[in-house]
Amino acid sequence: MILILIMRATLQRVKKASVTVDGRAVGSIDKGFLIFLGVGHQDTPAVAQTLAAKIAGLRVFPNPRKDGQKGDFDLDVREVNGEALVVSQFTLHADTRKGRRPSFSQAARPEQAEPLYQHFCAALSNQGIPVQQGVFGAMMEVQLINDGPVTLNIEVE
């Protein structure tokens, strides 16, 4: 069986999130999305564009009702003036089907992945979402206050 992987993101709705590298804060947001982004071999700028549009349009924020309660998932991140913090995460392409050590052979090499990561961030910004970033390839500490919790895995081909 040939494993063909696609660009994937794990998205968490957050009240607040930040990323630190070597003890220095490099990105932080208030309300919005913390997005872990994994780039695979088959990915292209068009795939990054499609994923950014998909995420921008996801209706996963509640719409306050007149009775003071929160409604269903009605609003997208732009409608709540949310932001995005994007963190590169090659481990989203881990293959754990065999053995005890994951294989990352389906993750794109850094020279391919970094430009696509940057393209995704720019595409998300072009959707009207303020974007903060981690540092590509760095060891990062990520802190968040999850809202809900709401966590979604999103893939596009």
Foldseek 3Di string as FASTA:
>chain_A
DDDAAFKKKKKWFFQKKWKDFPNHTQDIWGTDIEIAIFHFPPDDLVQLLVVLVVQQPFQQDWDQDPVRDTHGSGHGQVVVLGAYEYEYDLCVQWDCPDDDDTDSVGTDDPVVPVVSSVSSQVSNVVSVHHYTYDDPPGDMDMDTGTPPGDIDMDGDD
